[in-house]
Amino acid sequence: MTEFLPISSSGHLILVPRLLKWPDQGLAFDAILHLGTLMAILLFFRSDLFRIARGSLLTLMNGRRAELARDPGVMILVGSIPAGVAGVLFDDFIETHLRSAIIVAAAMIIFGVLLWVSDRYSEQVRKQIRQIEALGWREVLVIGFAQALALIPGTSRSGVTITAGLFSKLNRELAIRFSFLLSAPITAGAGAIKLLHVVHKGVSAGEGLYLMVGLLASMLSGILAIKLLLSLVRYYTFDMFVFYRIGLGIFILILFVS
């Protein structure tokens, strides 16, 4: 669920195993969780994704290439490039140098405050709110580069892209929708790379059951989290997530740094 809520899954993945003394879950389980995450996005946003894919295909088949520059599908794919490139270039460095408790806690707090600021900004420009299709390339790339920042543990991919979406004058619900649509290509790519490593190394016979349980758990909890998030923002601000992030960041600092 923390993969979809703007509260940082990496912060929880560092905190929970340390508190419960769990061993590392391994690459195969990570790959399966990515697949479950992707399935949740594809199932929940299947209508949006089908409409976008159909529109892009029709535009291309009809030879209207000039319209592709404003096509939502093209924008989503291009907006995913910064995170993909950053992942390839800096993943090893981040895994080696940026997984400390103090960096996770700082990112939780700093990007939590930015989420609060963007939420207030969205309320101030309520009359200027635009649809996803009205986003320009500048806004798409800003959200795309924000997604790349989510490689820093504690940032939250959904949180930072929602923040960038709010600053781009999307309302809360549209910012959430675009955040998850933008995550589909990068989640698929990351999951595919991990699955290739798993296939190369092989999976033991006894791992099948718990991998399937992990897949179902990540998919179902993901769908539940997306529904919960979209329901909450119809009536409330992001303040509850901001306070949670700041509180958890302070707790991590107290627990692991002091």
Protein backbone atom coordinates (compact mmCIF):
# COMPACT_ATOMS: atom_id res chain seq x y z
CA MET A 1 0.00 0.00 0.00
CA THR A 2 2.87 2.40 0.69
CA GLU A 3 3.93 2.05 -2.96
CA PHE A 4 0.79 3.98 -3.97
CA LEU A 5 0.17 6.31 -1.03
CA PRO A 6 2.39 9.45 -0.93
CA ILE A 7 4.23 8.32 2.21
CA SER A 8 7.35 6.60 0.74
CA SER A 9 7.52 2.86 0.33
CA SER A 10 11.32 2.90 0.68
CA GLY A 11 11.05 4.52 4.11
CA HIS A 12 8.79 1.71 5.26
CA LEU A 13 10.92 -0.97 3.59
CA ILE A 14 13.87 0.25 5.64
CA LEU A 15 11.94 0.74 8.88
CA VAL A 16 9.77 -2.40 9.08
CA PRO A 17 12.44 -5.08 8.45
CA ARG A 18 14.76 -3.44 10.98
CA LEU A 19 12.04 -3.27 13.62
CA LEU A 20 10.93 -6.87 13.02
CA LYS A 21 14.46 -8.25 12.38
CA TRP A 22 13.47 -9.60 8.96
CA PRO A 23 16.15 -10.72 6.46
CA ASP A 24 16.37 -9.17 2.98
CA GLN A 25 13.55 -10.56 0.82
CA GLY A 26 15.70 -11.11 -2.28
CA LEU A 27 15.58 -10.07 -5.94
CA ALA A 28 12.89 -12.57 -7.00
CA PHE A 29 10.43 -11.23 -4.44
CA ASP A 30 11.24 -7.62 -5.45
CA ALA A 31 10.52 -8.48 -9.08
CA ILE A 32 7.20 -10.09 -8.22
CA LEU A 33 6.15 -7.04 -6.18
CA HIS A 34 6.92 -4.81 -9.18
CA LEU A 35 4.72 -7.06 -11.31
CA GLY A 36 1.90 -6.85 -8.75
CA THR A 37 2.25 -3.06 -8.68
CA LEU A 38 2.02 -2.91 -12.47
CA MET A 39 -1.04 -5.20 -12.52
CA ALA A 40 -2.81 -2.95 -10.01
CA ILE A 41 -2.18 0.13 -12.18
CA LEU A 42 -3.25 -1.64 -15.40
CA LEU A 43 -6.43 -3.01 -13.82
CA PHE A 44 -7.52 0.15 -12.04
CA PHE A 45 -6.73 2.56 -14.89
CA ARG A 46 -7.59 0.16 -17.74
CA SER A 47 -10.20 2.53 -19.20
CA ASP A 48 -7.82 5.51 -19.18
CA LEU A 49 -4.95 3.46 -20.59
CA PHE A 50 -7.12 1.91 -23.33
CA ARG A 51 -8.47 5.33 -24.33
CA ILE A 52 -4.98 6.85 -24.43
CA ALA A 53 -3.46 3.91 -26.35
CA ARG A 54 -6.37 3.84 -28.83
CA GLY A 55 -6.09 7.60 -29.43
CA SER A 56 -2.32 7.40 -30.01
CA LEU A 57 -2.70 4.46 -32.39
CA LEU A 58 -5.45 6.16 -34.41
CA THR A 59 -3.43 9.37 -34.64
CA LEU A 60 -0.41 7.43 -35.92
CA MET A 61 -2.41 5.27 -38.35
CA ASN A 62 -4.18 8.30 -39.82
CA GLY A 63 -0.85 9.96 -40.49
CA ARG A 64 -1.55 12.92 -38.20
CA ARG A 65 2.02 12.97 -36.93
CA ALA A 66 1.86 16.65 -36.04
CA GLU A 67 -0.81 15.79 -33.46
CA LEU A 68 1.51 13.27 -31.78
CA ALA A 69 3.34 16.19 -30.19
CA ARG A 70 0.21 16.81 -28.10
CA ASP A 71 -0.78 13.17 -27.69
CA PRO A 72 -1.22 12.05 -24.03
CA GLY A 73 0.30 8.64 -24.74
CA VAL A 74 3.44 10.15 -26.23
CA MET A 75 3.68 12.60 -23.34
CA ILE A 76 3.45 9.77 -20.80
CA LEU A 77 6.18 7.79 -22.56
CA VAL A 78 8.48 10.83 -22.87
CA GLY A 79 7.73 11.88 -19.30
CA SER A 80 8.94 8.45 -18.15
CA ILE A 81 12.36 8.86 -19.77
CA PRO A 82 14.04 10.99 -17.04
CA ALA A 83 13.34 8.39 -14.35
CA GLY A 84 14.45 5.56 -16.65
CA VAL A 85 17.73 7.27 -17.52
CA ALA A 86 18.37 8.24 -13.89
CA GLY A 87 17.69 4.67 -12.80
CA VAL A 88 20.23 3.26 -15.27
CA LEU A 89 22.90 5.86 -14.45
CA PHE A 90 22.55 6.24 -10.70
CA ASP A 91 20.86 3.11 -9.32
CA ASP A 92 24.09 1.55 -8.03
CA PHE A 93 25.24 4.84 -6.46
CA ILE A 94 21.87 5.32 -4.75
CA GLU A 95 21.82 1.75 -3.43
CA THR A 96 25.36 2.18 -2.07
CA HIS A 97 25.31 5.74 -0.69
CA LEU A 98 21.73 6.98 -0.20
CA ARG A 99 20.00 4.27 1.80
CA SER A 100 20.99 5.61 5.21
CA ALA A 101 18.31 6.33 7.79
CA ILE A 102 19.16 10.03 7.94
CA ILE A 103 18.67 10.50 4.16
CA VAL A 104 15.39 8.60 4.23
CA ALA A 105 14.15 10.68 7.20
CA ALA A 106 15.25 13.97 5.61
CA ALA A 107 13.54 13.11 2.30
CA MET A 108 10.37 12.09 4.16
CA ILE A 109 10.22 15.47 5.89
CA ILE A 110 11.40 17.75 3.05
CA PHE A 111 9.17 16.26 0.36
CA GLY A 112 6.30 16.08 2.84
CA VAL A 113 6.56 19.85 3.31
CA LEU A 114 6.69 20.33 -0.47
CA LEU A 115 3.50 18.27 -0.82
CA TRP A 116 1.82 20.56 1.71
CA VAL A 117 2.99 23.69 -0.17
CA SER A 118 1.80 22.34 -3.54
CA ASP A 119 -1.58 21.41 -2.03
CA ARG A 120 -2.05 24.97 -0.79
CA TYR A 121 -0.94 26.33 -4.19
CA SER A 122 -3.53 24.13 -5.92
CA GLU A 123 -6.27 25.61 -3.74
CA GLN A 124 -5.15 29.15 -4.57
CA VAL A 125 -5.29 28.57 -8.36
CA ARG A 126 -8.49 26.53 -8.26
CA LYS A 127 -10.09 28.62 -11.03
CA GLN A 128 -7.13 27.91 -13.34
CA ILE A 129 -7.25 24.11 -12.95
CA ARG A 130 -6.58 22.30 -16.23
CA GLN A 131 -7.25 18.82 -17.62
CA ILE A 132 -4.45 16.29 -18.18
CA GLU A 133 -4.81 16.75 -21.97
CA ALA A 134 -4.07 20.48 -21.52
CA LEU A 135 -0.63 19.87 -20.02
CA GLY A 136 2.24 21.23 -22.09
CA TRP A 137 5.64 19.65 -22.61
CA ARG A 138 7.17 21.83 -19.90
CA GLU A 139 4.76 20.54 -17.27
CA VAL A 140 5.09 16.92 -18.44
CA LEU A 141 8.89 17.09 -18.25
CA VAL A 142 8.78 18.78 -14.84
CA ILE A 143 6.61 15.91 -13.54
CA GLY A 144 8.88 13.43 -15.32
CA PHE A 145 12.03 14.84 -13.70
CA ALA A 146 10.20 14.87 -10.36
CA GLN A 147 9.58 11.15 -10.84
CA ALA A 148 13.35 10.70 -11.25
CA LEU A 149 13.86 12.26 -7.80
CA ALA A 150 11.86 9.36 -6.36
CA LEU A 151 14.99 7.21 -6.72
CA ILE A 152 16.16 8.94 -3.54
CA PRO A 153 14.84 6.72 -0.70
CA GLY A 154 12.19 8.43 1.38
CA THR A 155 10.97 10.70 -1.43
CA SER A 156 7.88 8.70 -2.56
CA ARG A 157 7.31 8.37 -6.30
CA SER A 158 3.58 9.04 -6.01
CA GLY A 159 4.16 11.88 -3.55
CA VAL A 160 6.70 13.80 -5.63
CA THR A 161 4.81 13.39 -8.93
CA ILE A 162 1.54 14.43 -7.28
CA THR A 163 3.39 17.47 -5.90
CA ALA A 164 4.66 18.37 -9.38
CA GLY A 165 1.17 17.79 -10.79
CA LEU A 166 -0.38 20.16 -8.26
CA PHE A 167 2.21 22.82 -9.11
CA SER A 168 1.26 22.26 -12.78
CA LYS A 169 -2.34 23.28 -11.93
CA LEU A 170 -3.92 19.84 -11.92
CA ASN A 171 -6.46 19.29 -9.17
CA ARG A 172 -5.84 16.58 -6.57
CA GLU A 173 -7.66 13.79 -8.40
CA LEU A 174 -6.12 14.57 -11.80
CA ALA A 175 -2.65 14.87 -10.24
CA ILE A 176 -3.09 11.39 -8.74
CA ARG A 177 -4.35 9.93 -12.02
CA PHE A 178 -1.50 11.39 -14.06
CA SER A 179 1.01 10.26 -11.42
CA PHE A 180 -0.09 6.64 -11.77
CA LEU A 181 -0.43 6.74 -15.55
CA LEU A 182 3.12 8.09 -15.70
CA SER A 183 4.32 5.30 -13.41
CA ALA A 184 3.13 2.47 -15.69
CA PRO A 185 6.06 2.52 -18.20
CA ILE A 186 8.75 2.96 -15.53
CA THR A 187 7.23 0.26 -13.31
CA ALA A 188 7.04 -2.12 -16.27
CA GLY A 189 10.64 -1.38 -17.21
CA ALA A 190 12.01 -1.81 -13.69
CA GLY A 191 10.02 -5.02 -13.22
CA ALA A 192 11.21 -6.41 -16.57
CA ILE A 193 14.88 -5.79 -15.71
CA LYS A 194 14.51 -7.52 -12.35
CA LEU A 195 12.61 -10.43 -13.89
CA LEU A 196 15.40 -10.92 -16.44
CA HIS A 197 17.91 -11.16 -13.58
CA VAL A 198 15.64 -13.64 -11.80
CA VAL A 199 15.25 -15.79 -14.94
CA HIS A 200 19.02 -15.74 -15.42
CA LYS A 201 19.68 -16.83 -11.82
CA GLY A 202 16.69 -19.16 -11.57
CA VAL A 203 14.10 -19.65 -8.83
CA SER A 204 14.09 -22.59 -6.43
CA ALA A 205 11.08 -24.92 -6.39
CA GLY A 206 10.08 -23.93 -2.88
CA GLU A 207 9.79 -20.21 -3.69
CA GLY A 208 6.74 -20.44 -5.96
CA LEU A 209 4.05 -20.26 -3.26
CA TYR A 210 5.34 -17.24 -1.39
CA LEU A 211 6.08 -15.41 -4.66
CA MET A 212 2.45 -15.95 -5.72
CA VAL A 213 1.21 -14.73 -2.33
CA GLY A 214 3.42 -11.64 -2.70
CA LEU A 215 2.08 -10.99 -6.20
CA LEU A 216 -1.57 -11.16 -5.08
CA ALA A 217 -0.91 -9.11 -1.94
CA SER A 218 0.85 -6.31 -3.83
CA MET A 219 -1.82 -6.23 -6.56
CA LEU A 220 -4.84 -6.24 -4.23
CA SER A 221 -3.35 -3.81 -1.70
CA GLY A 222 -2.34 -1.56 -4.59
CA ILE A 223 -5.88 -1.41 -5.96
CA LEU A 224 -7.20 -0.75 -2.46
CA ALA A 225 -4.65 2.03 -1.88
CA ILE A 226 -5.50 3.78 -5.18
CA LYS A 227 -9.23 3.64 -4.39
CA LEU A 228 -8.57 4.95 -0.89
CA LEU A 229 -6.40 7.80 -2.12
CA LEU A 230 -8.86 8.94 -4.80
CA SER A 231 -11.76 8.75 -2.33
CA LEU A 232 -9.97 10.73 0.38
CA VAL A 233 -8.90 13.64 -1.84
CA ARG A 234 -12.47 14.29 -2.93
CA TYR A 235 -13.19 15.52 0.59
CA TYR A 236 -9.84 16.19 2.29
CA THR A 237 -6.45 17.76 1.62
CA PHE A 238 -3.14 15.85 1.65
CA ASP A 239 -2.48 17.08 5.20
CA MET A 240 -2.92 13.63 6.78
CA PHE A 241 -0.14 12.25 4.58
CA VAL A 242 2.07 15.28 5.22
CA PHE A 243 1.78 14.90 9.01
CA TYR A 244 2.36 11.16 8.74
CA ARG A 245 5.51 11.68 6.65
CA ILE A 246 6.95 14.27 9.01
CA GLY A 247 6.10 12.15 12.04
CA LEU A 248 7.65 9.02 10.53
CA GLY A 249 10.74 10.98 9.47
CA ILE A 250 11.25 12.22 13.01
CA PHE A 251 10.66 8.69 14.37
CA ILE A 252 13.31 7.24 12.03
CA LEU A 253 15.79 9.93 13.13
CA ILE A 254 15.16 9.17 16.79
CA LEU A 255 15.29 5.40 16.30
CA PHE A 256 18.29 5.00 14.03
CA VAL A 257 20.38 8.18 14.34
CA SER A 258 20.32 9.28 17.97
